[in-house]
Amino acid sequence: MTSNSDVSADQHEAARLVGGTEQPTESFRDLQARRQQYFERSEDSSAQKLESLMRYMSRQDLAKLSCYMDVFDKTTGVAGSIMECGVYFGNGLMTWAKLSAAMEPYNYNCKVVGFDTFSGNIGESESDQSDQAGIHKGTGGYLADSYEDLLECISIFDEDRPLNQYPKVELVKGDLRNSAGKYIEHNPHALVRILSLSVNLYEPSLAALKAFLPRMPKGSAIVAFTLNVPIYPGATLSLLDACGVQDYSVITPAKYPNFNYIIL
């Protein structure tokens, strides 16, 4: 039940170009290797590299970041927190968190909550079956044992933001089919500003939608990373069964077509 939101953007674009099989072309693999080698052999210090990310970031990853910024900006002023369903290594989680800290430093009521098993996919069902292979499909896919690492990341993040006496980022470990509903039980006050779905599987995605959609006010956003993608039919089916699409515009940004969103 982990996320594909921070898998290589080059790999996603390659998958689109070769029919959605998630098999990067040789030219994409070569480019990824060259970019990695350039990063590793740079004589800059680690601190200098962190300050020069545009030297190393791909145009695809920059486009993806701008999509996060677009949705964050479109929901500015909407009450609620951000639910990241599928954390993986934490790229999406911390993108939302840092956007919140940088762009709305005093909005202490907006939390970023990450849901993941931290042990790979759980909850594959018949609705997820497809005749197309995927690198991370099936039980145990998208495995990232990143929980402890992210706690350290969050601790560092907390040192560099206003109002850090108020918790901003929370990790919820467990099966989303259970943890989403339990979160609402334990937080009856919670509203949801952005629901980010990147688990790809039908049952976990549907559980998140059922738990959080009633808490989403007008102007809030659902973000989904694999809509209309034949490898992961469960992502689309969960949305159709939870709320349908006929009453909404489902946006696919031309700059990064795996980032889909709906403004409610």
Protein backbone atom coordinates (compact mmCIF):
# COMPACT_ATOMS: atom_id res chain seq x y z
CA MET A 1 0.00 0.00 0.00
CA THR A 2 2.83 2.34 -0.76
CA SER A 3 3.01 5.16 -3.22
CA ASN A 4 4.12 5.64 -6.79
CA SER A 5 4.10 9.41 -6.42
CA ASP A 6 7.85 9.57 -5.94
CA VAL A 7 8.94 6.90 -8.42
CA SER A 8 11.23 8.32 -11.09
CA ALA A 9 9.40 10.76 -13.33
CA ASP A 10 11.54 9.62 -16.25
CA GLN A 11 10.29 6.09 -15.66
CA HIS A 12 6.68 7.26 -15.65
CA GLU A 13 7.14 9.20 -18.87
CA ALA A 14 8.84 6.22 -20.46
CA ALA A 15 5.93 4.03 -19.41
CA ARG A 16 3.54 6.37 -21.18
CA LEU A 17 5.61 6.28 -24.33
CA VAL A 18 5.80 2.50 -24.50
CA GLY A 19 2.14 1.78 -23.80
CA GLY A 20 1.91 1.92 -20.03
CA THR A 21 3.99 -1.16 -19.25
CA GLU A 22 6.31 0.66 -16.82
CA GLN A 23 9.31 -0.55 -18.80
CA PRO A 24 11.64 2.40 -19.46
CA THR A 25 13.23 2.65 -22.86
CA GLU A 26 16.98 2.23 -23.16
CA SER A 27 17.45 5.95 -23.82
CA PHE A 28 15.64 6.82 -20.58
CA ARG A 29 17.74 4.35 -18.61
CA ASP A 30 20.89 5.83 -20.12
CA LEU A 31 19.81 9.34 -19.23
CA GLN A 32 18.98 8.34 -15.66
CA ALA A 33 22.39 6.71 -15.29
CA ARG A 34 24.14 9.77 -16.71
CA ARG A 35 22.26 12.11 -14.36
CA GLN A 36 23.14 9.92 -11.38
CA GLN A 37 26.80 9.80 -12.34
CA TYR A 38 26.88 13.56 -12.77
CA PHE A 39 25.41 14.00 -9.29
CA GLU A 40 27.81 11.51 -7.66
CA ARG A 41 31.01 12.79 -9.25
CA SER A 42 30.27 16.45 -8.65
CA GLU A 43 32.92 17.99 -6.43
CA ASP A 44 30.34 20.08 -4.62
CA SER A 45 29.71 19.32 -0.97
CA SER A 46 26.44 17.70 0.02
CA ALA A 47 25.26 21.08 1.30
CA GLN A 48 26.07 22.73 -2.03
CA LYS A 49 24.21 19.99 -3.91
CA LEU A 50 21.15 20.54 -1.76
CA GLU A 51 21.32 24.24 -2.62
CA SER A 52 21.67 23.49 -6.35
CA LEU A 53 18.86 21.02 -6.94
CA MET A 54 18.02 22.41 -10.37
CA ARG A 55 21.37 21.20 -11.63
CA TYR A 56 20.38 17.64 -10.90
CA MET A 57 16.58 17.54 -11.06
CA SER A 58 14.99 16.31 -14.28
CA ARG A 59 12.51 18.47 -16.13
CA GLN A 60 9.88 15.79 -15.42
CA ASP A 61 10.44 16.00 -11.67
CA LEU A 62 10.25 19.78 -11.86
CA ALA A 63 6.94 19.47 -13.73
CA LYS A 64 5.67 17.10 -11.04
CA LEU A 65 6.66 19.55 -8.30
CA SER A 66 4.80 22.32 -10.10
CA CYS A 67 1.67 20.11 -10.12
CA TYR A 68 1.86 19.81 -6.34
CA MET A 69 2.22 23.57 -6.15
CA ASP A 70 -0.76 24.11 -8.45
CA VAL A 71 -3.10 21.97 -6.33
CA PHE A 72 -1.81 23.49 -3.10
CA ASP A 73 -2.41 26.97 -4.50
CA LYS A 74 -5.89 26.07 -5.82
CA THR A 75 -6.94 24.92 -2.33
CA THR A 76 -5.52 27.90 -0.44
CA GLY A 77 -8.07 29.09 2.08
CA VAL A 78 -9.92 25.75 2.23
CA ALA A 79 -10.16 24.40 5.77
CA GLY A 80 -8.69 20.98 6.43
CA SER A 81 -5.59 18.83 6.42
CA ILE A 82 -3.74 16.95 3.71
CA MET A 83 -4.04 13.16 3.63
CA GLU A 84 -1.21 11.39 1.80
CA CYS A 85 -2.40 7.82 1.21
CA GLY A 86 0.70 5.92 0.20
CA VAL A 87 3.94 7.37 1.56
CA TYR A 88 6.70 5.21 0.00
CA PHE A 89 9.98 7.11 0.61
CA GLY A 90 8.16 10.30 1.56
CA ASN A 91 8.61 12.57 -1.44
CA GLY A 92 4.93 13.47 -1.72
CA LEU A 93 4.47 13.67 2.03
CA MET A 94 7.30 16.12 2.50
CA THR A 95 6.40 18.10 -0.61
CA TRP A 96 3.00 18.85 0.89
CA ALA A 97 4.57 19.56 4.28
CA LYS A 98 7.18 21.97 2.95
CA LEU A 99 4.67 23.75 0.73
CA SER A 100 2.52 24.23 3.81
CA ALA A 101 5.42 25.54 5.89
CA ALA A 102 6.73 27.82 3.13
CA MET A 103 3.49 29.15 1.63
CA GLU A 104 1.19 29.14 4.68
CA PRO A 105 3.55 29.30 7.65
CA TYR A 106 0.86 30.28 10.14
CA ASN A 107 -1.82 27.80 9.08
CA TYR A 108 -1.07 25.50 12.01
CA ASN A 109 -4.42 23.72 11.68
CA CYS A 110 -3.42 22.21 8.35
CA LYS A 111 -1.64 18.94 9.11
CA VAL A 112 -0.08 16.51 6.66
CA VAL A 113 -0.96 12.92 7.53
CA GLY A 114 0.79 10.03 5.79
CA PHE A 115 -0.79 6.56 5.66
CA ASP A 116 1.26 3.51 4.74
CA THR A 117 1.95 -0.07 5.74
CA PHE A 118 5.70 0.58 5.37
CA SER A 119 5.86 -3.07 4.34
CA GLY A 120 4.51 -2.92 0.79
CA ASN A 121 1.15 -3.33 -0.90
CA ILE A 122 -1.72 -4.94 0.99
CA GLY A 123 -5.27 -5.40 -0.24
CA GLU A 124 -5.00 -6.47 -3.87
CA SER A 125 -8.39 -7.65 -5.17
CA GLU A 126 -10.09 -8.72 -8.38
CA SER A 127 -10.68 -5.06 -9.20
CA ASP A 128 -6.90 -4.63 -9.51
CA GLN A 129 -6.43 -7.40 -12.06
CA SER A 130 -5.03 -6.38 -15.42
CA ASP A 131 -3.41 -8.18 -18.32
CA GLN A 132 -0.59 -5.61 -18.25
CA ALA A 133 2.45 -6.20 -16.09
CA GLY A 134 3.79 -3.59 -13.70
CA ILE A 135 7.08 -3.40 -11.84
CA HIS A 136 5.46 -2.86 -8.43
CA LYS A 137 2.15 -4.66 -8.84
CA GLY A 138 0.87 -7.21 -6.36
CA THR A 139 1.20 -7.84 -2.65
CA GLY A 140 4.44 -6.42 -1.29
CA GLY A 141 4.93 -4.01 -4.19
CA TYR A 142 6.19 -0.53 -3.48
CA LEU A 143 8.00 -1.74 -0.40
CA ALA A 144 9.74 1.05 1.48
CA ASP A 145 10.69 0.50 5.11
CA SER A 146 11.04 4.24 5.56
CA TYR A 147 9.15 4.86 8.80
CA GLU A 148 12.13 5.52 11.10
CA ASP A 149 13.96 7.45 8.40
CA LEU A 150 10.96 9.72 7.92
CA LEU A 151 10.67 10.37 11.64
CA GLU A 152 14.18 11.86 11.46
CA CYS A 153 13.25 13.79 8.33
CA ILE A 154 10.20 15.22 10.08
CA SER A 155 12.28 16.13 13.14
CA ILE A 156 14.68 18.15 10.97
CA PHE A 157 11.75 19.75 9.15
CA ASP A 158 10.19 20.80 12.47
CA GLU A 159 13.32 22.73 13.44
CA ASP A 160 12.92 25.05 10.46
CA ARG A 161 9.32 26.26 10.48
CA PRO A 162 7.19 28.78 12.37
CA LEU A 163 4.84 27.62 15.11
CA ASN A 164 6.70 24.35 15.45
CA GLN A 165 5.12 23.82 18.84
CA TYR A 166 2.17 22.51 16.82
CA PRO A 167 2.75 19.13 15.11
CA LYS A 168 2.60 19.40 11.32
CA VAL A 169 3.37 15.91 9.94
CA GLU A 170 1.95 12.65 11.26
CA LEU A 171 2.65 9.09 10.12
CA VAL A 172 -0.03 6.42 10.43
CA LYS A 173 1.32 2.90 10.03
CA GLY A 174 -1.11 0.18 9.00
CA ASP A 175 -3.56 -1.15 6.45
CA LEU A 176 -5.41 1.80 4.94
CA ARG A 177 -8.58 -0.27 4.80
CA ASN A 178 -8.64 0.00 8.59
CA SER A 179 -6.47 3.00 9.42
CA ALA A 180 -8.43 5.59 7.41
CA GLY A 181 -11.65 4.97 9.32
CA LYS A 182 -9.85 4.72 12.65
CA TYR A 183 -8.16 8.05 12.02
CA ILE A 184 -11.55 9.73 11.69
CA GLU A 185 -12.81 7.95 14.80
CA HIS A 186 -9.86 9.32 16.78
CA ASN A 187 -10.02 12.74 15.12
CA PRO A 188 -13.72 13.58 14.79
CA HIS A 189 -12.85 17.22 14.19
CA ALA A 190 -10.85 16.50 11.02
CA LEU A 191 -11.65 18.12 7.69
CA VAL A 192 -9.73 17.26 4.53
CA ARG A 193 -8.35 19.85 2.17
CA ILE A 194 -6.38 17.52 -0.13
CA LEU A 195 -6.78 13.76 -0.44
CA SER A 196 -3.76 12.37 -2.26
CA LEU A 197 -4.25 8.79 -3.45
CA SER A 198 -1.23 6.92 -4.74
CA VAL A 199 -1.73 3.40 -3.45
CA ASN A 200 -3.01 2.24 -6.87
CA LEU A 201 -5.16 -0.53 -5.35
CA TYR A 202 -8.97 -0.58 -5.31
CA GLU A 203 -9.82 -1.53 -1.72
CA PRO A 204 -7.36 0.78 0.10
CA SER A 205 -8.26 3.67 -2.20
CA LEU A 206 -11.99 3.09 -1.73
CA ALA A 207 -11.55 2.93 2.06
CA ALA A 208 -9.76 6.27 2.01
CA LEU A 209 -12.42 7.85 -0.17
CA LYS A 210 -15.24 6.57 2.06
CA ALA A 211 -13.51 7.83 5.20
CA PHE A 212 -12.36 11.22 3.97
CA LEU A 213 -14.70 12.31 1.17
CA PRO A 214 -17.52 13.26 3.59
CA ARG A 215 -14.99 15.53 5.32
CA MET A 216 -14.02 17.41 2.15
CA PRO A 217 -15.57 20.88 1.70
CA LYS A 218 -16.21 22.64 -1.57
CA GLY A 219 -12.92 23.70 -3.11
CA SER A 220 -10.93 20.79 -1.70
CA ALA A 221 -9.03 18.43 -4.01
CA ILE A 222 -8.64 14.74 -4.73
CA VAL A 223 -5.27 13.89 -6.28
CA ALA A 224 -4.81 10.51 -7.95
CA PHE A 225 -1.69 9.33 -9.73
CA THR A 226 -2.88 6.42 -11.89
CA LEU A 227 -6.31 7.29 -13.23
CA ASN A 228 -7.09 6.01 -16.71
CA VAL A 229 -4.00 3.79 -16.56
CA PRO A 230 -4.60 0.15 -17.63
CA ILE A 231 -1.93 -1.29 -15.33
CA TYR A 232 -3.79 -0.13 -12.21
CA PRO A 233 -7.57 -0.25 -12.90
CA GLY A 234 -8.36 -0.22 -9.18
CA ALA A 235 -7.43 3.45 -8.87
CA THR A 236 -10.09 4.50 -11.36
CA LEU A 237 -12.68 1.98 -10.17
CA SER A 238 -12.42 3.17 -6.57
CA LEU A 239 -13.14 6.75 -7.63
CA LEU A 240 -16.05 5.68 -9.82
CA ASP A 241 -17.59 3.68 -6.98
CA ALA A 242 -17.04 6.35 -4.34
CA CYS A 243 -18.28 9.46 -6.11
CA GLY A 244 -18.26 8.99 -9.88
CA VAL A 245 -16.73 11.46 -12.30
CA GLN A 246 -19.69 12.86 -14.25
CA ASP A 247 -20.14 15.82 -11.92
CA TYR A 248 -16.47 16.78 -11.84
CA SER A 249 -13.69 17.90 -14.11
CA VAL A 250 -10.86 15.38 -13.84
CA ILE A 251 -7.75 17.35 -14.68
CA THR A 252 -4.73 15.76 -16.35
CA PRO A 253 -1.96 18.39 -16.57
CA ALA A 254 -0.20 18.31 -19.93
CA LYS A 255 3.13 18.87 -18.18
CA TYR A 256 2.87 15.69 -16.06
CA PRO A 257 -0.01 13.41 -17.12
CA ASN A 258 0.28 10.93 -14.23
CA PHE A 259 -0.80 13.64 -11.78
CA ASN A 260 -4.60 13.78 -11.97
CA TYR A 261 -6.82 15.86 -9.74
CA ILE A 262 -10.39 16.94 -9.09
CA ILE A 263 -11.40 20.18 -7.39
CA LEU A 264 -14.65 19.47 -5.56
